[in-house]
PDB file of all heavy atoms in Angstrom:
ATOM      1  N   THR A   1     102.470  95.229 106.645  1.00  0.00           N
ATOM      2  CA  THR A   1     103.455  94.681 107.560  1.00  0.00           C
ATOM      3  C   THR A   1     104.191  95.821 108.251  1.00  0.00           C
ATOM      4  O   THR A   1     104.151  96.967 107.801  1.00  0.00           O
ATOM      5  CB  THR A   1     104.482  93.782 106.832  1.00  0.00           C
ATOM      6  OG1 THR A   1     105.294  94.594 105.969  1.00  0.00           O
ATOM      7  CG2 THR A   1     103.795  92.709 106.011  1.00  0.00           C
ATOM      8  N   ASN A   2     104.864  95.478 109.344  1.00  0.00           N
ATOM      9  CA  ASN A   2     105.700  96.412 110.090  1.00  0.00           C
ATOM     10  C   ASN A   2     107.126  95.850 110.004  1.00  0.00           C
ATOM     11  O   ASN A   2     107.568  95.132 110.886  1.00  0.00           O
ATOM     12  CB  ASN A   2     105.214  96.491 111.537  1.00  0.00           C
ATOM     13  CG  ASN A   2     105.927  97.557 112.352  1.00  0.00           C
ATOM     14  OD1 ASN A   2     106.875  98.199 111.885  1.00  0.00           O
ATOM     15  ND2 ASN A   2     105.487  97.732 113.588  1.00  0.00           N
ATOM     16  N   PRO A   3     107.855  96.163 108.935  1.00  0.00           N
ATOM     17  CA  PRO A   3     109.079  95.426 108.604  1.00  0.00           C
ATOM     18  C   PRO A   3     110.278  95.836 109.464  1.00  0.00           C
ATOM     19  O   PRO A   3     110.296  96.895 110.088  1.00  0.00           O
ATOM     20  CB  PRO A   3     109.309  95.796 107.147  1.00  0.00           C
ATOM     21  CG  PRO A   3     108.758  97.183 107.035  1.00  0.00           C
ATOM     22  CD  PRO A   3     107.562  97.213 107.949  1.00  0.00           C
ATOM     23  N   ARG A   4     111.303  94.977 109.457  1.00  0.00           N
ATOM     24  CA  ARG A   4     112.540  95.294 110.168  1.00  0.00           C
ATOM     25  C   ARG A   4     113.228  96.487 109.525  1.00  0.00           C
ATOM     26  O   ARG A   4     113.804  97.338 110.205  1.00  0.00           O
ATOM     27  CB  ARG A   4     113.488  94.091 110.139  1.00  0.00           C
ATOM     28  CG  ARG A   4     113.036  92.895 110.941  1.00  0.00           C
ATOM     29  CD  ARG A   4     114.057  91.769 110.892  1.00  0.00           C
ATOM     30  NE  ARG A   4     114.339  91.357 109.526  1.00  0.00           N
ATOM     31  CZ  ARG A   4     115.543  91.380 108.958  1.00  0.00           C
ATOM     32  NH1 ARG A   4     116.587  91.810 109.635  1.00  0.00           N
ATOM     33  NH2 ARG A   4     115.712  90.971 107.712  1.00  0.00           N
ATOM     34  N   PHE A   5     113.200  96.550 108.185  1.00  0.00           N
ATOM     35  CA  PHE A   5     113.850  97.618 107.437  1.00  0.00           C
ATOM     36  C   PHE A   5     112.848  98.189 106.441  1.00  0.00           C
ATOM     37  O   PHE A   5     111.870  97.522 106.076  1.00  0.00           O
ATOM     38  CB  PHE A   5     115.086  97.090 106.697  1.00  0.00           C
ATOM     39  CG  PHE A   5     116.107  96.466 107.593  1.00  0.00           C
ATOM     40  CD1 PHE A   5     116.304  95.092 107.612  1.00  0.00           C
ATOM     41  CD2 PHE A   5     116.877  97.247 108.442  1.00  0.00           C
ATOM     42  CE1 PHE A   5     117.242  94.512 108.448  1.00  0.00           C
ATOM     43  CE2 PHE A   5     117.817  96.691 109.285  1.00  0.00           C
ATOM     44  CZ  PHE A   5     118.005  95.316 109.284  1.00  0.00           C
ATOM     45  N   PRO A   6     113.066  99.424 105.970  1.00  0.00           N
ATOM     46  CA  PRO A   6     112.152  99.998 104.979  1.00  0.00           C
ATOM     47  C   PRO A   6     111.971  99.078 103.774  1.00  0.00           C
ATOM     48  O   PRO A   6     112.922  98.499 103.262  1.00  0.00           O
ATOM     49  CB  PRO A   6     112.831 101.314 104.591  1.00  0.00           C
ATOM     50  CG  PRO A   6     113.648 101.677 105.784  1.00  0.00           C
ATOM     51  CD  PRO A   6     114.135 100.374 106.355  1.00  0.00           C
ATOM     52  N   ASN A   7     110.737  98.956 103.357  1.00  0.00           N
ATOM     53  CA  ASN A   7     110.408  98.052 102.255  1.00  0.00           C
ATOM     54  C   ASN A   7     109.472  98.759 101.277  1.00  0.00           C
ATOM     55  O   ASN A   7     108.517  99.431 101.699  1.00  0.00           O
ATOM     56  CB  ASN A   7     109.737  96.791 102.794  1.00  0.00           C
ATOM     57  CG  ASN A   7     109.234  95.883 101.685  1.00  0.00           C
ATOM     58  OD1 ASN A   7     110.020  95.366 100.899  1.00  0.00           O
ATOM     59  ND2 ASN A   7     107.923  95.707 101.602  1.00  0.00           N
ATOM     60  N   VAL A   8     109.734  98.621  99.977  1.00  0.00           N
ATOM     61  CA  VAL A   8     108.858  99.137  98.937  1.00  0.00           C
ATOM     62  C   VAL A   8     108.475  97.979  98.018  1.00  0.00           C
ATOM     63  O   VAL A   8     109.347  97.312  97.464  1.00  0.00           O
ATOM     64  CB  VAL A   8     109.511 100.265  98.123  1.00  0.00           C
ATOM     65  CG1 VAL A   8     108.575 100.711  96.997  1.00  0.00           C
ATOM     66  CG2 VAL A   8     109.853 101.449  99.023  1.00  0.00           C
ATOM     67  N   SER A   9     107.178  97.733  97.893  1.00  0.00           N
ATOM     68  CA  SER A   9     106.657  96.704  96.995  1.00  0.00           C
ATOM     69  C   SER A   9     105.996  97.388  95.807  1.00  0.00           C
ATOM     70  O   SER A   9     105.232  98.348  95.991  1.00  0.00           O
ATOM     71  CB  SER A   9     105.642  95.812  97.714  1.00  0.00           C
ATOM     72  OG  SER A   9     106.237  95.152  98.820  1.00  0.00           O
ATOM     73  N   SER A  10     106.281  96.902  94.608  1.00  0.00           N
ATOM     74  CA  SER A  10     105.740  97.500  93.385  1.00  0.00           C
ATOM     75  C   SER A  10     104.805  96.516  92.689  1.00  0.00           C
ATOM     76  O   SER A  10     105.126  95.334  92.551  1.00  0.00           O
ATOM     77  CB  SER A  10     106.871  97.893  92.428  1.00  0.00           C
ATOM     78  OG  SER A  10     107.683  98.899  92.988  1.00  0.00           O
ATOM     79  N   PHE A  11     103.666  97.022  92.253  1.00  0.00           N
ATOM     80  CA  PHE A  11     102.670  96.220  91.558  1.00  0.00           C
ATOM     81  C   PHE A  11     102.457  96.845  90.179  1.00  0.00           C
ATOM     82  O   PHE A  11     101.734  97.842  90.043  1.00  0.00           O
ATOM     83  CB  PHE A  11     101.371  96.179  92.364  1.00  0.00           C
ATOM     84  CG  PHE A  11     101.569  95.742  93.800  1.00  0.00           C
ATOM     85  CD1 PHE A  11     101.842  96.688  94.791  1.00  0.00           C
ATOM     86  CD2 PHE A  11     101.510  94.412  94.157  1.00  0.00           C
ATOM     87  CE1 PHE A  11     102.031  96.305  96.111  1.00  0.00           C
ATOM     88  CE2 PHE A  11     101.707  94.019  95.476  1.00  0.00           C
ATOM     89  CZ  PHE A  11     101.973  94.960  96.449  1.00  0.00           C
ATOM     90  N   LEU A  12     103.113  96.273  89.168  1.00  0.00           N
ATOM     91  CA  LEU A  12     103.066  96.825  87.817  1.00  0.00           C
ATOM     92  C   LEU A  12     101.651  96.755  87.261  1.00  0.00           C
ATOM     93  O   LEU A  12     100.943  95.760  87.446  1.00  0.00           O
ATOM     94  CB  LEU A  12     104.032  96.077  86.905  1.00  0.00           C
ATOM     95  CG  LEU A  12     105.513  96.135  87.286  1.00  0.00           C
ATOM     96  CD1 LEU A  12     106.338  95.281  86.331  1.00  0.00           C
ATOM     97  CD2 LEU A  12     106.011  97.566  87.293  1.00  0.00           C
ATOM     98  N   ASP A  13     101.252  97.794  86.539  1.00  0.00           N
ATOM     99  CA  ASP A  13      99.894  97.825  86.014  1.00  0.00           C
ATOM    100  C   ASP A  13      99.801  98.838  84.877  1.00  0.00           C
ATOM    101  O   ASP A  13     100.733  99.627  84.637  1.00  0.00           O
ATOM    102  CB  ASP A  13      98.904  98.179  87.126  1.00  0.00           C
ATOM    103  CG  ASP A  13      97.495  97.680  86.857  1.00  0.00           C
ATOM    104  OD1 ASP A  13      97.263  97.093  85.783  1.00  0.00           O
ATOM    105  OD2 ASP A  13      96.620  97.885  87.715  1.00  0.00           O
ATOM    106  N   GLU A  14      98.672  98.818  84.206  1.00  0.00           N
ATOM    107  CA  GLU A  14      98.355  99.812  83.180  1.00  0.00           C
ATOM    108  C   GLU A  14      96.910 100.236  83.372  1.00  0.00           C
ATOM    109  O   GLU A  14      96.002  99.405  83.418  1.00  0.00           O
ATOM    110  CB  GLU A  14      98.550  99.235  81.778  1.00  0.00           C
ATOM    111  CG  GLU A  14      98.263 100.231  80.666  1.00  0.00           C
ATOM    112  CD  GLU A  14      98.579  99.695  79.277  1.00  0.00           C
ATOM    113  OE1 GLU A  14      98.992  98.528  79.168  1.00  0.00           O
ATOM    114  OE2 GLU A  14      98.424 100.459  78.291  1.00  0.00           O
ATOM    115  N   ASN A  15      96.701 101.520  83.515  1.00  0.00           N
ATOM    116  CA  ASN A  15      95.377 102.086  83.752  1.00  0.00           C
ATOM    117  C   ASN A  15      94.619 101.333  84.848  1.00  0.00           C
ATOM    118  O   ASN A  15      93.577 100.712  84.608  1.00  0.00           O
ATOM    119  CB  ASN A  15      94.562 102.098  82.457  1.00  0.00           C
ATOM    120  CG  ASN A  15      95.065 103.129  81.482  1.00  0.00           C
ATOM    121  OD1 ASN A  15      95.438 104.233  81.855  1.00  0.00           O
ATOM    122  ND2 ASN A  15      95.089 102.771  80.202  1.00  0.00           N
ATOM    123  N   PRO A  16      95.134 101.366  86.070  1.00  0.00           N
ATOM    124  CA  PRO A  16      94.452 100.679  87.168  1.00  0.00           C
ATOM    125  C   PRO A  16      93.049 101.244  87.387  1.00  0.00           C
ATOM    126  O   PRO A  16      92.803 102.425  87.182  1.00  0.00           O
ATOM    127  CB  PRO A  16      95.352 100.962  88.369  1.00  0.00           C
ATOM    128  CG  PRO A  16      96.030 102.256  88.024  1.00  0.00           C
ATOM    129  CD  PRO A  16      96.267 102.185  86.537  1.00  0.00           C
ATOM    130  N   LYS A  17      92.159 100.371  87.803  1.00  0.00           N
ATOM    131  CA  LYS A  17      90.795 100.810  88.093  1.00  0.00           C
ATOM    132  C   LYS A  17      90.698 101.448  89.472  1.00  0.00           C
ATOM    133  O   LYS A  17      89.761 102.202  89.752  1.00  0.00           O
ATOM    134  CB  LYS A  17      89.837  99.633  87.975  1.00  0.00           C
ATOM    135  CG  LYS A  17      89.668  99.107  86.553  1.00  0.00           C
ATOM    136  CD  LYS A  17      88.678  97.948  86.525  1.00  0.00           C
ATOM    137  CE  LYS A  17      88.350  97.537  85.092  1.00  0.00           C
ATOM    138  NZ  LYS A  17      89.501  96.957  84.397  1.00  0.00           N
ATOM    139  N   GLY A  18      91.654 101.133  90.347  1.00  0.00           N
ATOM    140  CA  GLY A  18      91.634 101.748  91.661  1.00  0.00           C
ATOM    141  C   GLY A  18      92.613 101.093  92.610  1.00  0.00           C
ATOM    142  O   GLY A  18      93.083  99.982  92.385  1.00  0.00           O
ATOM    143  N   PHE A  19      92.929 101.817  93.672  1.00  0.00           N
ATOM    144  CA  PHE A  19      93.750 101.275  94.756  1.00  0.00           C
ATOM    145  C   PHE A  19      93.470 102.096  96.010  1.00  0.00           C
ATOM    146  O   PHE A  19      92.977 103.223  95.936  1.00  0.00           O
ATOM    147  CB  PHE A  19      95.250 101.299  94.405  1.00  0.00           C
ATOM    148  CG  PHE A  19      95.851 102.672  94.263  1.00  0.00           C
ATOM    149  CD1 PHE A  19      96.457 103.306  95.337  1.00  0.00           C
ATOM    150  CD2 PHE A  19      95.811 103.345  93.044  1.00  0.00           C
ATOM    151  CE1 PHE A  19      97.012 104.572  95.211  1.00  0.00           C
ATOM    152  CE2 PHE A  19      96.362 104.615  92.906  1.00  0.00           C
ATOM    153  CZ  PHE A  19      96.969 105.228  93.990  1.00  0.00           C
ATOM    154  N   GLY A  20      93.789 101.511  97.157  1.00  0.00           N
ATOM    155  CA  GLY A  20      93.554 102.263  98.385  1.00  0.00           C
ATOM    156  C   GLY A  20      94.063 101.544  99.613  1.00  0.00           C
ATOM    157  O   GLY A  20      94.293 100.325  99.599  1.00  0.00           O
ATOM    158  N   LEU A  21      94.260 102.311 100.663  1.00  0.00           N
ATOM    159  CA  LEU A  21      94.585 101.766 101.974  1.00  0.00           C
ATOM    160  C   LEU A  21      93.278 101.624 102.745  1.00  0.00           C
ATOM    161  O   LEU A  21      92.548 102.597 102.945  1.00  0.00           O
ATOM    162  CB  LEU A  21      95.552 102.681 102.724  1.00  0.00           C
ATOM    163  CG  LEU A  21      96.972 102.731 102.158  1.00  0.00           C
ATOM    164  CD1 LEU A  21      97.808 103.781 102.880  1.00  0.00           C
ATOM    165  CD2 LEU A  21      97.652 101.360 102.240  1.00  0.00           C
ATOM    166  N   MET A  22      92.990 100.389 103.150  1.00  0.00           N
ATOM    167  CA  MET A  22      91.689 100.079 103.718  1.00  0.00           C
ATOM    168  C   MET A  22      91.801  99.696 105.192  1.00  0.00           C
ATOM    169  O   MET A  22      92.820  99.151 105.633  1.00  0.00           O
ATOM    170  CB  MET A  22      91.038  98.907 102.947  1.00  0.00           C
ATOM    171  CG  MET A  22      91.182  98.982 101.427  1.00  0.00           C
ATOM    172  SD  MET A  22      90.537 100.522 100.713  1.00  0.00           S
ATOM    173  CE  MET A  22      88.785 100.268 100.943  1.00  0.00           C
ATOM    174  N   GLN A  23      90.738  99.983 105.914  1.00  0.00           N
ATOM    175  CA  GLN A  23      90.589  99.509 107.292  1.00  0.00           C
ATOM    176  C   GLN A  23      89.414  98.533 107.274  1.00  0.00           C
ATOM    177  O   GLN A  23      88.251  98.927 107.379  1.00  0.00           O
ATOM    178  CB  GLN A  23      90.341 100.673 108.250  1.00  0.00           C
ATOM    179  CG  GLN A  23      90.191 100.293 109.720  1.00  0.00           C
ATOM    180  CD  GLN A  23      91.501  99.989 110.410  1.00  0.00           C
ATOM    181  OE1 GLN A  23      92.364  99.310 109.842  1.00  0.00           O
ATOM    182  NE2 GLN A  23      91.674 100.474 111.629  1.00  0.00           N
ATOM    183  N   ARG A  24      89.708  97.244 107.117  1.00  0.00           N
ATOM    184  CA  ARG A  24      88.637  96.259 106.982  1.00  0.00           C
ATOM    185  C   ARG A  24      88.107  95.761 108.316  1.00  0.00           C
ATOM    186  O   ARG A  24      86.936  95.423 108.426  1.00  0.00           O
ATOM    187  CB  ARG A  24      89.127  95.073 106.143  1.00  0.00           C
ATOM    188  CG  ARG A  24      89.113  95.347 104.647  1.00  0.00           C
ATOM    189  CD  ARG A  24      89.397  94.105 103.842  1.00  0.00           C
ATOM    190  NE  ARG A  24      89.261  94.392 102.418  1.00  0.00           N
ATOM    191  CZ  ARG A  24      89.578  93.544 101.445  1.00  0.00           C
ATOM    192  NH1 ARG A  24      90.083  92.345 101.753  1.00  0.00           N
ATOM    193  NH2 ARG A  24      89.417  93.882 100.180  1.00  0.00           N
ATOM    194  N   ASP A  25      88.958  95.685 109.303  1.00  0.00           N
ATOM    195  CA  ASP A  25      88.546  95.148 110.597  1.00  0.00           C
ATOM    196  C   ASP A  25      87.737  96.197 111.343  1.00  0.00           C
ATOM    197  O   ASP A  25      88.286  97.204 111.808  1.00  0.00           O
ATOM    198  CB  ASP A  25      89.775  94.720 111.404  1.00  0.00           C
ATOM    199  CG  ASP A  25      89.402  93.897 112.629  1.00  0.00           C
ATOM    200  OD1 ASP A  25      88.250  94.007 113.089  1.00  0.00           O
ATOM    201  OD2 ASP A  25      90.267  93.160 113.133  1.00  0.00           O
ATOM    202  N   ARG A  26      86.437  95.969 111.482  1.00  0.00           N
ATOM    203  CA  ARG A  26      85.528  96.942 112.104  1.00  0.00           C
ATOM    204  C   ARG A  26      84.983  96.467 113.441  1.00  0.00           C
ATOM    205  O   ARG A  26      83.968  96.979 113.918  1.00  0.00           O
ATOM    206  CB  ARG A  26      84.356  97.221 111.147  1.00  0.00           C
ATOM    207  CG  ARG A  26      84.770  97.844 109.828  1.00  0.00           C
ATOM    208  CD  ARG A  26      85.279  99.243 110.017  1.00  0.00           C
ATOM    209  NE  ARG A  26      85.799  99.847 108.792  1.00  0.00           N
ATOM    210  CZ  ARG A  26      86.361 101.046 108.736  1.00  0.00           C
ATOM    211  NH1 ARG A  26      86.456 101.776 109.834  1.00  0.00           N
ATOM    212  NH2 ARG A  26      86.828 101.522 107.601  1.00  0.00           N
ATOM    213  N   ASN A  27      85.664  95.517 114.063  1.00  0.00           N
ATOM    214  CA  ASN A  27      85.218  94.964 115.329  1.00  0.00           C
ATOM    215  C   ASN A  27      85.907  95.692 116.478  1.00  0.00           C
ATOM    216  O   ASN A  27      87.118  95.591 116.652  1.00  0.00           O
ATOM    217  CB  ASN A  27      85.531  93.466 115.378  1.00  0.00           C
ATOM    218  CG  ASN A  27      84.919  92.773 116.575  1.00  0.00           C
ATOM    219  OD1 ASN A  27      84.650  93.385 117.608  1.00  0.00           O
ATOM    220  ND2 ASN A  27      84.687  91.476 116.442  1.00  0.00           N
ATOM    221  N   PHE A  28      85.134  96.414 117.283  1.00  0.00           N
ATOM    222  CA  PHE A  28      85.708  97.167 118.391  1.00  0.00           C
ATOM    223  C   PHE A  28      86.488  96.265 119.347  1.00  0.00           C
ATOM    224  O   PHE A  28      87.509  96.673 119.920  1.00  0.00           O
ATOM    225  CB  PHE A  28      84.616  97.909 119.159  1.00  0.00           C
ATOM    226  CG  PHE A  28      85.114  98.598 120.400  1.00  0.00           C
ATOM    227  CD1 PHE A  28      85.764  99.821 120.326  1.00  0.00           C
ATOM    228  CD2 PHE A  28      84.944  98.010 121.662  1.00  0.00           C
ATOM    229  CE1 PHE A  28      86.238 100.451 121.473  1.00  0.00           C
ATOM    230  CE2 PHE A  28      85.411  98.626 122.804  1.00  0.00           C
ATOM    231  CZ  PHE A  28      86.059  99.852 122.710  1.00  0.00           C
ATOM    232  N   GLU A  29      86.019  95.045 119.533  1.00  0.00           N
ATOM    233  CA  GLU A  29      86.681  94.132 120.456  1.00  0.00           C
ATOM    234  C   GLU A  29      88.100  93.797 120.015  1.00  0.00           C
ATOM    235  O   GLU A  29      88.900  93.306 120.815  1.00  0.00           O
ATOM    236  CB  GLU A  29      85.866  92.834 120.594  1.00  0.00           C
ATOM    237  CG  GLU A  29      84.475  93.034 121.174  1.00  0.00           C
ATOM    238  CD  GLU A  29      84.513  93.553 122.607  1.00  0.00           C
ATOM    239  OE1 GLU A  29      85.445  93.166 123.340  1.00  0.00           O
ATOM    240  OE2 GLU A  29      83.618  94.322 122.984  1.00  0.00           O
ATOM    241  N   HIS A  30      88.409  94.049 118.762  1.00  0.00           N
ATOM    242  CA  HIS A  30      89.759  93.786 118.273  1.00  0.00           C
ATOM    243  C   HIS A  30      90.718  94.936 118.566  1.00  0.00           C
ATOM    244  O   HIS A  30      91.916  94.825 118.293  1.00  0.00           O
ATOM    245  CB  HIS A  30      89.732  93.518 116.764  1.00  0.00           C
ATOM    246  CG  HIS A  30      89.029  92.252 116.410  1.00  0.00           C
ATOM    247  ND1 HIS A  30      88.818  91.861 115.098  1.00  0.00           N
ATOM    248  CD2 HIS A  30      88.471  91.284 117.187  1.00  0.00           C
ATOM    249  CE1 HIS A  30      88.169  90.702 115.093  1.00  0.00           C
ATOM    250  NE2 HIS A  30      87.945  90.341 116.343  1.00  0.00           N
ATOM    251  N   TYR A  31      90.204  96.046 119.104  1.00  0.00           N
ATOM    252  CA  TYR A  31      91.030  97.213 119.435  1.00  0.00           C
ATOM    253  C   TYR A  31      90.912  97.617 120.906  1.00  0.00           C
ATOM    254  O   TYR A  31      91.905  97.974 121.543  1.00  0.00           O
ATOM    255  CB  TYR A  31      90.645  98.403 118.553  1.00  0.00           C
ATOM    256  CG  TYR A  31      90.717  98.134 117.075  1.00  0.00           C
ATOM    257  CD1 TYR A  31      89.581  97.749 116.364  1.00  0.00           C
ATOM    258  CD2 TYR A  31      91.913  98.254 116.383  1.00  0.00           C
ATOM    259  CE1 TYR A  31      89.636  97.503 115.006  1.00  0.00           C
ATOM    260  CE2 TYR A  31      91.984  98.008 115.021  1.00  0.00           C
ATOM    261  CZ  TYR A  31      90.831  97.629 114.343  1.00  0.00           C
ATOM    262  OH  TYR A  31      90.896  97.373 112.998  1.00  0.00           O
ATOM    263  N   LEU A  32      89.671  97.638 121.414  1.00  0.00           N
ATOM    264  CA  LEU A  32      89.404  97.979 122.819  1.00  0.00           C
ATOM    265  C   LEU A  32      89.941  99.355 123.199  1.00  0.00           C
ATOM    266  O   LEU A  32      90.401  99.579 124.313  1.00  0.00           O
ATOM    267  CB  LEU A  32      90.016  96.913 123.753  1.00  0.00           C
ATOM    268  CG  LEU A  32      89.486  95.491 123.574  1.00  0.00           C
ATOM    269  CD1 LEU A  32      90.263  94.532 124.475  1.00  0.00           C
ATOM    270  CD2 LEU A  32      87.991  95.416 123.875  1.00  0.00           C
ATOM    271  N   ASP A  33      89.860 100.298 122.283  1.00  0.00           N
ATOM    272  CA  ASP A  33      90.456 101.611 122.506  1.00  0.00           C
ATOM    273  C   ASP A  33      89.434 102.696 122.222  1.00  0.00           C
ATOM    274  O   ASP A  33      88.737 102.658 121.205  1.00  0.00           O
ATOM    275  CB  ASP A  33      91.676 101.792 121.593  1.00  0.00           C
ATOM    276  CG  ASP A  33      92.561 102.948 122.023  1.00  0.00           C
ATOM    277  OD1 ASP A  33      92.031 103.962 122.493  1.00  0.00           O
ATOM    278  OD2 ASP A  33      93.782 102.845 121.885  1.00  0.00           O
ATOM    279  N   GLY A  34      89.366 103.683 123.117  1.00  0.00           N
ATOM    280  CA  GLY A  34      88.417 104.778 122.972  1.00  0.00           C
ATOM    281  C   GLY A  34      88.724 105.752 121.867  1.00  0.00           C
ATOM    282  O   GLY A  34      87.935 106.676 121.627  1.00  0.00           O
ATOM    283  N   VAL A  35      89.860 105.595 121.170  1.00  0.00           N
ATOM    284  CA  VAL A  35      90.121 106.434 119.994  1.00  0.00           C
ATOM    285  C   VAL A  35      89.485 105.822 118.750  1.00  0.00           C
ATOM    286  O   VAL A  35      89.578 106.394 117.669  1.00  0.00           O
ATOM    287  CB  VAL A  35      91.631 106.668 119.771  1.00  0.00           C
ATOM    288  CG1 VAL A  35      92.236 107.379 120.955  1.00  0.00           C
ATOM    289  CG2 VAL A  35      92.364 105.364 119.477  1.00  0.00           C
ATOM    290  N   TYR A  36      88.854 104.672 118.886  1.00  0.00           N
ATOM    291  CA  TYR A  36      88.008 104.068 117.859  1.00  0.00           C
ATOM    292  C   TYR A  36      88.737 103.793 116.540  1.00  0.00           C
ATOM    293  O   TYR A  36      88.373 104.313 115.493  1.00  0.00           O
ATOM    294  CB  TYR A  36      86.767 104.925 117.613  1.00  0.00           C
ATOM    295  CG  TYR A  36      85.888 105.062 118.835  1.00  0.00           C
ATOM    296  CD1 TYR A  36      85.766 106.281 119.491  1.00  0.00           C
ATOM    297  CD2 TYR A  36      85.220 103.957 119.347  1.00  0.00           C
ATOM    298  CE1 TYR A  36      84.981 106.398 120.643  1.00  0.00           C
ATOM    299  CE2 TYR A  36      84.438 104.064 120.494  1.00  0.00           C
ATOM    300  CZ  TYR A  36      84.324 105.291 121.132  1.00  0.00           C
ATOM    301  OH  TYR A  36      83.553 105.392 122.259  1.00  0.00           O
TER     302      TYR A  36
END
């Protein structure tokens, strides 16, 4: 999200198997920008 004010969300866990910031939308038509 692009929030009105700074926001921190916490997801409690123990020995996580993984996490990451993903770019799932791979359709060029959804961006139409030459910076790809």
